[in-house]
Amino acid sequence: MKIYVNKEISNHSIDNVTGIVLSGNNFIPPHLGLVISGNYFSCSANSVKTNVPFSRIFNKLKRRNHKLLIAELDIPISIQKSREIFNDYGVLCDDKTCLGPVKKTIEFHLNQNFKSNFIFELLPVLEEKRIIKSYLQFNLDAYISNNGFNLPTYTKEEVLDCIRELQILNVR
């Protein structure tokens, strides 16, 4: 999937952003979270984060030299309902992936269900519905050509392998 990146993320631009957060070393697969008005929500292999200031997450990702892409959403999202969805979803195990609570939150707020099983399937649907306002990036300059970034695809098995590895390493 080719993504047209609008601008680079800075500490200044993240305070009020609402969107889907993709992060990681190589995006195969990316870790997914949600930022709502500058507050971060995520379910991972070893923890659930709700309402964490995104500036803290952003600084941590910068220190780790991770890549970051935010699909900025053009819909209002309730922090309270998002906290409930992420906490109910819980830590990733079995077939649960980090896409689950992100997708459930968006589906709830749009009162729609999407058949997407991967972020590279969900983003085009959201683009088509004009729900994505823009894409913001950090540390992807080397991968952008003509304002476009090619989001890699991956398999469900690669996602589950990544989750198992993170559980073993106890990465939070």
Foldseek 3Di string as FASTA:
>chain_A
DKAQADEADDLVPQQQFWFWKFKDAQPLPTAIWTAHNQFIFWAALAWTGARHRVSVVVVVRVVVLMKMKTQTFDFHFDSVVLVVLRVVLHHDDDLDGRVVSVQVRVCVRVVHHDPDPGPVRVVVVCVVVVGGPHMYIDNCVVQDDPSIHDNDDHDSVSRNVVSVVCNVVVPD
